[in-house]
């Protein structure tokens, strides 16, 4: 859902979060321990479900998968491609 869909055009991101938007932690090219810290910071900011953005072509992608599994992240978004079944069943 886009901010425009929630009637929030031009308003800060906090507005869409207060109306049910999904907060996301950034995986990107972070080292796995930095991703774990980003997830912890996200949990501190919300009691609601949140997602984690991962880049499938990042050098530490498989380690990032381990982090989101260990941290029991409710949603994961993949950029770059859809991971193989083998990767997603870890």
PDB file of N, CA and C in Angstrom:
ATOM      1  N   UNK A   1       0.844  -1.164   0.000  1.00  0.00           N
ATOM      2  CA  UNK A   1       0.000   0.000   0.000  1.00  0.00           C
ATOM      3  C   UNK A   1       0.892   1.231   0.000  1.00  0.00           C
ATOM      4  N   UNK A   2       0.575   2.184  -0.832  1.00  0.00           N
ATOM      5  CA  UNK A   2       1.364   3.400  -0.935  1.00  0.00           C
ATOM      6  C   UNK A   2       0.794   4.471  -0.011  1.00  0.00           C
ATOM      7  N   UNK A   3       1.627   5.443   0.336  1.00  0.00           N
ATOM      8  CA  UNK A   3       1.154   6.550   1.175  1.00  0.00           C
ATOM      9  C   UNK A   3      -0.029   7.249   0.532  1.00  0.00           C
ATOM     10  N   UNK A   4      -0.008   7.418  -0.801  1.00  0.00           N
ATOM     11  CA  UNK A   4      -1.127   8.064  -1.495  1.00  0.00           C
ATOM     12  C   UNK A   4      -2.427   7.310  -1.251  1.00  0.00           C
ATOM     13  N   UNK A   5      -2.363   5.980  -1.182  1.00  0.00           N
ATOM     14  CA  UNK A   5      -3.561   5.172  -0.961  1.00  0.00           C
ATOM     15  C   UNK A   5      -4.164   5.418   0.418  1.00  0.00           C
ATOM     16  N   UNK A   6      -3.341   5.862   1.350  1.00  0.00           N
ATOM     17  CA  UNK A   6      -3.818   6.111   2.709  1.00  0.00           C
ATOM     18  C   UNK A   6      -4.181   7.583   2.929  1.00  0.00           C
ATOM     19  N   UNK A   7      -4.140   8.372   1.855  1.00  0.00           N
ATOM     20  CA  UNK A   7      -4.438   9.795   1.973  1.00  0.00           C
ATOM     21  C   UNK A   7      -3.334  10.566   2.659  1.00  0.00           C
ATOM     22  N   UNK A   8      -2.077  10.146   2.475  1.00  0.00           N
ATOM     23  CA  UNK A   8      -0.952  10.744   3.192  1.00  0.00           C
ATOM     24  C   UNK A   8       0.047  11.433   2.279  1.00  0.00           C
ATOM     25  N   UNK A   9      -0.362  11.818   1.123  1.00  0.00           N
ATOM     26  CA  UNK A   9       0.569  12.450   0.182  1.00  0.00           C
ATOM     27  C   UNK A   9       1.261  13.635   0.862  1.00  0.00           C
ATOM     28  N   UNK A  10       2.592  13.624   0.828  1.00  0.00           N
ATOM     29  CA  UNK A  10       3.368  14.716   1.369  1.00  0.00           C
ATOM     30  C   UNK A  10       3.530  14.704   2.882  1.00  0.00           C
ATOM     31  N   UNK A  11       2.929  13.752   3.565  1.00  0.00           N
ATOM     32  CA  UNK A  11       3.077  13.689   5.013  1.00  0.00           C
ATOM     33  C   UNK A  11       4.250  12.783   5.366  1.00  0.00           C
ATOM     34  N   UNK A  12       4.812  12.979   6.529  1.00  0.00           N
ATOM     35  CA  UNK A  12       5.947  12.141   6.921  1.00  0.00           C
ATOM     36  C   UNK A  12       5.558  10.670   7.037  1.00  0.00           C
ATOM     37  N   UNK A  13       6.567   9.836   6.939  1.00  0.00           N
ATOM     38  CA  UNK A  13       6.362   8.391   6.990  1.00  0.00           C
ATOM     39  C   UNK A  13       5.637   7.959   8.257  1.00  0.00           C
ATOM     40  N   UNK A  14       5.862   8.636   9.350  1.00  0.00           N
ATOM     41  CA  UNK A  14       5.213   8.264  10.604  1.00  0.00           C
ATOM     42  C   UNK A  14       3.694   8.207  10.438  1.00  0.00           C
ATOM     43  N   UNK A  15       3.138   9.111   9.637  1.00  0.00           N
ATOM     44  CA  UNK A  15       1.703   9.121   9.419  1.00  0.00           C
ATOM     45  C   UNK A  15       1.204   7.819   8.830  1.00  0.00           C
ATOM     46  N   UNK A  16       1.931   7.279   7.867  1.00  0.00           N
ATOM     47  CA  UNK A  16       1.461   6.022   7.272  1.00  0.00           C
ATOM     48  C   UNK A  16       1.641   4.868   8.236  1.00  0.00           C
ATOM     49  N   UNK A  17       2.640   4.920   9.091  1.00  0.00           N
ATOM     50  CA  UNK A  17       2.819   3.862  10.080  1.00  0.00           C
ATOM     51  C   UNK A  17       1.685   3.872  11.103  1.00  0.00           C
ATOM     52  N   UNK A  18       1.254   5.075  11.490  1.00  0.00           N
ATOM     53  CA  UNK A  18       0.154   5.184  12.450  1.00  0.00           C
ATOM     54  C   UNK A  18      -1.164   4.694  11.866  1.00  0.00           C
ATOM     55  N   UNK A  19      -1.258   4.668  10.542  1.00  0.00           N
ATOM     56  CA  UNK A  19      -2.486   4.226   9.888  1.00  0.00           C
ATOM     57  C   UNK A  19      -2.381   2.794   9.365  1.00  0.00           C
ATOM     58  N   UNK A  20      -1.423   2.056   9.854  1.00  0.00           N
ATOM     59  CA  UNK A  20      -1.341   0.641   9.517  1.00  0.00           C
ATOM     60  C   UNK A  20      -0.279   0.258   8.516  1.00  0.00           C
ATOM     61  N   UNK A  21       0.541   1.211   8.061  1.00  0.00           N
ATOM     62  CA  UNK A  21       1.628   0.886   7.142  1.00  0.00           C
ATOM     63  C   UNK A  21       2.665   0.002   7.820  1.00  0.00           C
ATOM     64  N   UNK A  22       3.428  -0.714   7.044  1.00  0.00           N
ATOM     65  CA  UNK A  22       4.400  -1.673   7.566  1.00  0.00           C
ATOM     66  C   UNK A  22       5.786  -1.044   7.660  1.00  0.00           C
ATOM     67  N   UNK A  23       6.343  -1.016   8.854  1.00  0.00           N
ATOM     68  CA  UNK A  23       7.717  -0.538   9.047  1.00  0.00           C
ATOM     69  C   UNK A  23       8.671  -1.593   8.490  1.00  0.00           C
ATOM     70  N   UNK A  24       9.788  -1.149   7.915  1.00  0.00           N
ATOM     71  CA  UNK A  24      10.768  -2.093   7.372  1.00  0.00           C
ATOM     72  C   UNK A  24      12.172  -1.764   7.852  1.00  0.00           C
ATOM     73  N   UNK A  25      12.926  -2.800   8.176  1.00  0.00           N
ATOM     74  CA  UNK A  25      14.345  -2.674   8.498  1.00  0.00           C
ATOM     75  C   UNK A  25      15.126  -2.905   7.213  1.00  0.00           C
ATOM     76  N   UNK A  26      16.263  -2.249   7.076  1.00  0.00           N
ATOM     77  CA  UNK A  26      17.062  -2.369   5.861  1.00  0.00           C
ATOM     78  C   UNK A  26      18.179  -3.394   6.037  1.00  0.00           C
ATOM     79  N   UNK A  27      18.253  -4.347   5.128  1.00  0.00           N
ATOM     80  CA  UNK A  27      19.338  -5.322   5.136  1.00  0.00           C
ATOM     81  C   UNK A  27      20.484  -4.830   4.277  1.00  0.00           C
ATOM     82  N   UNK A  28      20.185  -4.601   3.009  1.00  0.00           N
ATOM     83  CA  UNK A  28      21.171  -4.067   2.074  1.00  0.00           C
ATOM     84  C   UNK A  28      22.488  -4.803   2.101  1.00  0.00           C
ATOM     85  N   UNK A  29      23.550  -4.041   2.162  1.00  0.00           N
ATOM     86  CA  UNK A  29      24.897  -4.624   2.166  1.00  0.00           C
ATOM     87  C   UNK A  29      25.489  -4.653   3.573  1.00  0.00           C
ATOM     88  N   UNK A  30      24.648  -4.486   4.588  1.00  0.00           N
ATOM     89  CA  UNK A  30      25.124  -4.502   5.968  1.00  0.00           C
ATOM     90  C   UNK A  30      25.777  -5.847   6.307  1.00  0.00           C
ATOM     91  N   UNK A  31      26.726  -5.789   7.211  1.00  0.00           N
ATOM     92  CA  UNK A  31      27.245  -7.019   7.801  1.00  0.00           C
ATOM     93  C   UNK A  31      26.105  -7.636   8.613  1.00  0.00           C
ATOM     94  N   UNK A  32      26.077  -8.960   8.770  1.00  0.00           N
ATOM     95  CA  UNK A  32      24.980  -9.610   9.498  1.00  0.00           C
ATOM     96  C   UNK A  32      24.719  -9.028  10.882  1.00  0.00           C
ATOM     97  N   UNK A  33      25.770  -8.698  11.619  1.00  0.00           N
ATOM     98  CA  UNK A  33      25.555  -8.149  12.966  1.00  0.00           C
ATOM     99  C   UNK A  33      24.904  -6.764  12.914  1.00  0.00           C
ATOM    100  N   UNK A  34      25.178  -5.978  11.860  1.00  0.00           N
ATOM    101  CA  UNK A  34      24.514  -4.686  11.713  1.00  0.00           C
ATOM    102  C   UNK A  34      23.039  -4.873  11.355  1.00  0.00           C
ATOM    103  N   UNK A  35      22.742  -5.892  10.563  1.00  0.00           N
ATOM    104  CA  UNK A  35      21.352  -6.196  10.250  1.00  0.00           C
ATOM    105  C   UNK A  35      20.603  -6.576  11.529  1.00  0.00           C
ATOM    106  N   UNK A  36      21.214  -7.385  12.372  1.00  0.00           N
ATOM    107  CA  UNK A  36      20.590  -7.768  13.640  1.00  0.00           C
ATOM    108  C   UNK A  36      20.326  -6.533  14.504  1.00  0.00           C
ATOM    109  N   UNK A  37      21.256  -5.581  14.511  1.00  0.00           N
ATOM    110  CA  UNK A  37      21.056  -4.330  15.257  1.00  0.00           C
ATOM    111  C   UNK A  37      19.911  -3.518  14.666  1.00  0.00           C
ATOM    112  N   UNK A  38      19.813  -3.464  13.345  1.00  0.00           N
ATOM    113  CA  UNK A  38      18.733  -2.738  12.673  1.00  0.00           C
ATOM    114  C   UNK A  38      17.378  -3.361  13.025  1.00  0.00           C
ATOM    115  N   UNK A  39      17.322  -4.672  13.091  1.00  0.00           N
ATOM    116  CA  UNK A  39      16.084  -5.364  13.477  1.00  0.00           C
ATOM    117  C   UNK A  39      15.724  -5.020  14.921  1.00  0.00           C
ATOM    118  N   UNK A  40      16.716  -5.009  15.803  1.00  0.00           N
ATOM    119  CA  UNK A  40      16.467  -4.664  17.217  1.00  0.00           C
ATOM    120  C   UNK A  40      15.948  -3.234  17.338  1.00  0.00           C
ATOM    121  N   UNK A  41      16.530  -2.299  16.583  1.00  0.00           N
ATOM    122  CA  UNK A  41      16.064  -0.907  16.615  1.00  0.00           C
ATOM    123  C   UNK A  41      14.625  -0.811  16.105  1.00  0.00           C
ATOM    124  N   UNK A  42      14.310  -1.578  15.076  1.00  0.00           N
ATOM    125  CA  UNK A  42      12.952  -1.568  14.539  1.00  0.00           C
ATOM    126  C   UNK A  42      11.973  -2.090  15.576  1.00  0.00           C
ATOM    127  N   UNK A  43      12.342  -3.145  16.275  1.00  0.00           N
ATOM    128  CA  UNK A  43      11.468  -3.693  17.324  1.00  0.00           C
ATOM    129  C   UNK A  43      11.235  -2.685  18.447  1.00  0.00           C
ATOM    130  N   UNK A  44      12.251  -1.877  18.746  1.00  0.00           N
ATOM    131  CA  UNK A  44      12.102  -0.851  19.783  1.00  0.00           C
ATOM    132  C   UNK A  44      11.105   0.222  19.364  1.00  0.00           C
ATOM    133  N   UNK A  45      11.014   0.477  18.054  1.00  0.00           N
ATOM    134  CA  UNK A  45      10.172   1.551  17.540  1.00  0.00           C
ATOM    135  C   UNK A  45       8.717   1.147  17.342  1.00  0.00           C
ATOM    136  N   UNK A  46       8.429  -0.136  17.301  1.00  0.00           N
ATOM    137  CA  UNK A  46       7.055  -0.567  17.049  1.00  0.00           C
ATOM    138  C   UNK A  46       6.762  -1.884  17.739  1.00  0.00           C
ATOM    139  N   UNK A  47       5.516  -2.050  18.125  1.00  0.00           N
ATOM    140  CA  UNK A  47       5.044  -3.334  18.633  1.00  0.00           C
ATOM    141  C   UNK A  47       4.301  -4.076  17.535  1.00  0.00           C
ATOM    142  N   UNK A  48       4.126  -3.409  16.403  1.00  0.00           N
ATOM    143  CA  UNK A  48       3.415  -3.989  15.262  1.00  0.00           C
ATOM    144  C   UNK A  48       4.346  -4.879  14.450  1.00  0.00           C
ATOM    145  N   UNK A  49       3.777  -5.736  13.610  1.00  0.00           N
ATOM    146  CA  UNK A  49       4.625  -6.514  12.694  1.00  0.00           C
ATOM    147  C   UNK A  49       5.445  -5.570  11.805  1.00  0.00           C
ATOM    148  N   UNK A  50       6.585  -6.039  11.352  1.00  0.00           N
ATOM    149  CA  UNK A  50       7.446  -5.245  10.490  1.00  0.00           C
ATOM    150  C   UNK A  50       8.099  -6.173   9.475  1.00  0.00           C
ATOM    151  N   UNK A  51       8.724  -5.599   8.491  1.00  0.00           N
ATOM    152  CA  UNK A  51       9.409  -6.380   7.473  1.00  0.00           C
ATOM    153  C   UNK A  51      10.886  -6.029   7.414  1.00  0.00           C
ATOM    154  N   UNK A  52      11.648  -6.876   6.751  1.00  0.00           N
ATOM    155  CA  UNK A  52      13.072  -6.653   6.544  1.00  0.00           C
ATOM    156  C   UNK A  52      13.336  -6.728   5.046  1.00  0.00           C
ATOM    157  N   UNK A  53      14.014  -5.716   4.519  1.00  0.00           N
ATOM    158  CA  UNK A  53      14.397  -5.710   3.109  1.00  0.00           C
ATOM    159  C   UNK A  53      15.752  -6.385   2.958  1.00  0.00           C
ATOM    160  N   UNK A  54      15.829  -7.386   2.089  1.00  0.00           N
ATOM    161  CA  UNK A  54      17.098  -8.057   1.799  1.00  0.00           C
ATOM    162  C   UNK A  54      17.390  -7.965   0.305  1.00  0.00           C
ATOM    163  N   UNK A  55      18.668  -7.875  -0.013  1.00  0.00           N
ATOM    164  CA  UNK A  55      19.102  -7.850  -1.409  1.00  0.00           C
ATOM    165  C   UNK A  55      19.745  -9.197  -1.717  1.00  0.00           C
ATOM    166  N   UNK A  56      19.146  -9.923  -2.647  1.00  0.00           N
ATOM    167  CA  UNK A  56      19.579 -11.303  -2.903  1.00  0.00           C
ATOM    168  C   UNK A  56      20.961 -11.401  -3.528  1.00  0.00           C
ATOM    169  N   UNK A  57      21.454 -10.310  -4.111  1.00  0.00           N
ATOM    170  CA  UNK A  57      22.787 -10.355  -4.716  1.00  0.00           C
ATOM    171  C   UNK A  57      23.853  -9.783  -3.778  1.00  0.00           C
ATOM    172  N   UNK A  58      23.470  -9.427  -2.543  1.00  0.00           N
ATOM    173  CA  UNK A  58      24.436  -8.917  -1.571  1.00  0.00           C
ATOM    174  C   UNK A  58      25.400 -10.029  -1.178  1.00  0.00           C
ATOM    175  N   UNK A  59      26.659  -9.685  -0.938  1.00  0.00           N
ATOM    176  CA  UNK A  59      27.650 -10.710  -0.575  1.00  0.00           C
ATOM    177  C   UNK A  59      27.275 -11.536   0.652  1.00  0.00           C
ATOM    178  N   UNK A  60      26.590 -10.937   1.609  1.00  0.00           N
ATOM    179  CA  UNK A  60      26.258 -11.647   2.852  1.00  0.00           C
ATOM    180  C   UNK A  60      24.804 -12.125   2.869  1.00  0.00           C
ATOM    181  N   UNK A  61      24.168 -12.272   1.697  1.00  0.00           N
ATOM    182  CA  UNK A  61      22.751 -12.612   1.643  1.00  0.00           C
ATOM    183  C   UNK A  61      22.405 -13.866   2.451  1.00  0.00           C
ATOM    184  N   UNK A  62      23.161 -14.928   2.319  1.00  0.00           N
ATOM    185  CA  UNK A  62      22.841 -16.166   3.048  1.00  0.00           C
ATOM    186  C   UNK A  62      22.959 -15.952   4.563  1.00  0.00           C
ATOM    187  N   UNK A  63      23.899 -15.143   4.973  1.00  0.00           N
ATOM    188  CA  UNK A  63      24.011 -14.805   6.397  1.00  0.00           C
ATOM    189  C   UNK A  63      22.817 -13.957   6.840  1.00  0.00           C
ATOM    190  N   UNK A  64      22.351 -13.076   5.956  1.00  0.00           N
ATOM    191  CA  UNK A  64      21.165 -12.265   6.270  1.00  0.00           C
ATOM    192  C   UNK A  64      19.944 -13.161   6.469  1.00  0.00           C
ATOM    193  N   UNK A  65      19.811 -14.190   5.640  1.00  0.00           N
ATOM    194  CA  UNK A  65      18.706 -15.148   5.802  1.00  0.00           C
ATOM    195  C   UNK A  65      18.775 -15.777   7.195  1.00  0.00           C
ATOM    196  N   UNK A  66      19.972 -16.168   7.609  1.00  0.00           N
ATOM    197  CA  UNK A  66      20.132 -16.757   8.945  1.00  0.00           C
ATOM    198  C   UNK A  66      19.697 -15.779  10.036  1.00  0.00           C
ATOM    199  N   UNK A  67      20.025 -14.492   9.856  1.00  0.00           N
ATOM    200  CA  UNK A  67      19.661 -13.477  10.847  1.00  0.00           C
ATOM    201  C   UNK A  67      18.142 -13.337  10.933  1.00  0.00           C
ATOM    202  N   UNK A  68      17.459 -13.214   9.793  1.00  0.00           N
ATOM    203  CA  UNK A  68      16.005 -13.015   9.855  1.00  0.00           C
ATOM    204  C   UNK A  68      15.286 -14.243  10.413  1.00  0.00           C
ATOM    205  N   UNK A  69      15.850 -15.425  10.183  1.00  0.00           N
ATOM    206  CA  UNK A  69      15.271 -16.642  10.774  1.00  0.00           C
ATOM    207  C   UNK A  69      15.503 -16.640  12.281  1.00  0.00           C
ATOM    208  N   UNK A  70      16.731 -16.369  12.689  1.00  0.00           N
ATOM    209  CA  UNK A  70      17.063 -16.348  14.120  1.00  0.00           C
ATOM    210  C   UNK A  70      16.237 -15.299  14.866  1.00  0.00           C
ATOM    211  N   UNK A  71      16.047 -14.144  14.231  1.00  0.00           N
ATOM    212  CA  UNK A  71      15.315 -13.046  14.861  1.00  0.00           C
ATOM    213  C   UNK A  71      13.796 -13.161  14.696  1.00  0.00           C
ATOM    214  N   UNK A  72      13.358 -14.201  13.977  1.00  0.00           N
ATOM    215  CA  UNK A  72      11.925 -14.459  13.771  1.00  0.00           C
ATOM    216  C   UNK A  72      11.203 -13.233  13.206  1.00  0.00           C
ATOM    217  N   UNK A  73      11.770 -12.686  12.149  1.00  0.00           N
ATOM    218  CA  UNK A  73      11.173 -11.527  11.485  1.00  0.00           C
ATOM    219  C   UNK A  73       9.881 -11.952  10.797  1.00  0.00           C
ATOM    220  N   UNK A  74       8.806 -11.193  11.009  1.00  0.00           N
ATOM    221  CA  UNK A  74       7.513 -11.611  10.480  1.00  0.00           C
ATOM    222  C   UNK A  74       7.395 -11.538   8.954  1.00  0.00           C
ATOM    223  N   UNK A  75       8.084 -10.587   8.311  1.00  0.00           N
ATOM    224  CA  UNK A  75       8.018 -10.431   6.860  1.00  0.00           C
ATOM    225  C   UNK A  75       9.402 -10.139   6.314  1.00  0.00           C
ATOM    226  N   UNK A  76       9.696 -10.692   5.141  1.00  0.00           N
ATOM    227  CA  UNK A  76      10.965 -10.416   4.460  1.00  0.00           C
ATOM    228  C   UNK A  76      10.646 -10.054   3.015  1.00  0.00           C
ATOM    229  N   UNK A  77      11.269  -8.974   2.547  1.00  0.00           N
ATOM    230  CA  UNK A  77      11.101  -8.510   1.168  1.00  0.00           C
ATOM    231  C   UNK A  77      12.424  -8.699   0.444  1.00  0.00           C
ATOM    232  N   UNK A  78      12.369  -9.256  -0.746  1.00  0.00           N
ATOM    233  CA  UNK A  78      13.579  -9.554  -1.501  1.00  0.00           C
ATOM    234  C   UNK A  78      13.709  -8.630  -2.703  1.00  0.00           C
ATOM    235  N   UNK A  79      14.891  -8.057  -2.882  1.00  0.00           N
ATOM    236  CA  UNK A  79      15.203  -7.254  -4.054  1.00  0.00           C
ATOM    237  C   UNK A  79      16.311  -7.967  -4.814  1.00  0.00           C
ATOM    238  N   UNK A  80      16.211  -8.016  -6.108  1.00  0.00           N
ATOM    239  CA  UNK A  80      17.248  -8.641  -6.930  1.00  0.00           C
ATOM    240  C   UNK A  80      16.748  -9.890  -7.620  1.00  0.00           C
ATOM    241  N   UNK A  81      16.027 -10.722  -6.902  1.00  0.00           N
ATOM    242  CA  UNK A  81      15.430 -11.939  -7.459  1.00  0.00           C
ATOM    243  C   UNK A  81      14.656 -12.628  -6.341  1.00  0.00           C
ATOM    244  N   UNK A  82      13.961 -13.668  -6.690  1.00  0.00           N
ATOM    245  CA  UNK A  82      13.287 -14.477  -5.681  1.00  0.00           C
ATOM    246  C   UNK A  82      14.227 -15.627  -5.335  1.00  0.00           C
ATOM    247  N   UNK A  83      14.543 -15.805  -4.053  1.00  0.00           N
ATOM    248  CA  UNK A  83      15.491 -16.861  -3.670  1.00  0.00           C
ATOM    249  C   UNK A  83      14.977 -18.253  -4.024  1.00  0.00           C
ATOM    250  N   UNK A  84      15.906 -19.141  -4.241  1.00  0.00           N
ATOM    251  CA  UNK A  84      15.549 -20.524  -4.539  1.00  0.00           C
ATOM    252  C   UNK A  84      14.896 -21.155  -3.310  1.00  0.00           C
ATOM    253  N   UNK A  85      14.145 -22.215  -3.531  1.00  0.00           N
ATOM    254  CA  UNK A  85      13.507 -22.931  -2.434  1.00  0.00           C
ATOM    255  C   UNK A  85      14.504 -23.386  -1.395  1.00  0.00           C
ATOM    256  N   UNK A  86      15.682 -23.789  -1.842  1.00  0.00           N
ATOM    257  CA  UNK A  86      16.707 -24.255  -0.916  1.00  0.00           C
ATOM    258  C   UNK A  86      17.097 -23.141   0.060  1.00  0.00           C
ATOM    259  N   UNK A  87      17.279 -21.930  -0.452  1.00  0.00           N
ATOM    260  CA  UNK A  87      17.658 -20.807   0.401  1.00  0.00           C
ATOM    261  C   UNK A  87      16.534 -20.450   1.346  1.00  0.00           C
ATOM    262  N   UNK A  88      15.308 -20.419   0.852  1.00  0.00           N
ATOM    263  CA  UNK A  88      14.193 -19.982   1.679  1.00  0.00           C
ATOM    264  C   UNK A  88      13.757 -21.019   2.704  1.00  0.00           C
ATOM    265  N   UNK A  89      14.241 -22.247   2.621  1.00  0.00           N
ATOM    266  CA  UNK A  89      13.897 -23.296   3.602  1.00  0.00           C
ATOM    267  C   UNK A  89      14.931 -23.426   4.694  1.00  0.00           C
ATOM    268  N   UNK A  90      15.891 -22.551   4.753  1.00  0.00           N
ATOM    269  CA  UNK A  90      16.936 -22.628   5.775  1.00  0.00           C
ATOM    270  C   UNK A  90      16.373 -22.530   7.151  1.00  0.00           C
TER     271      UNK A  90
END
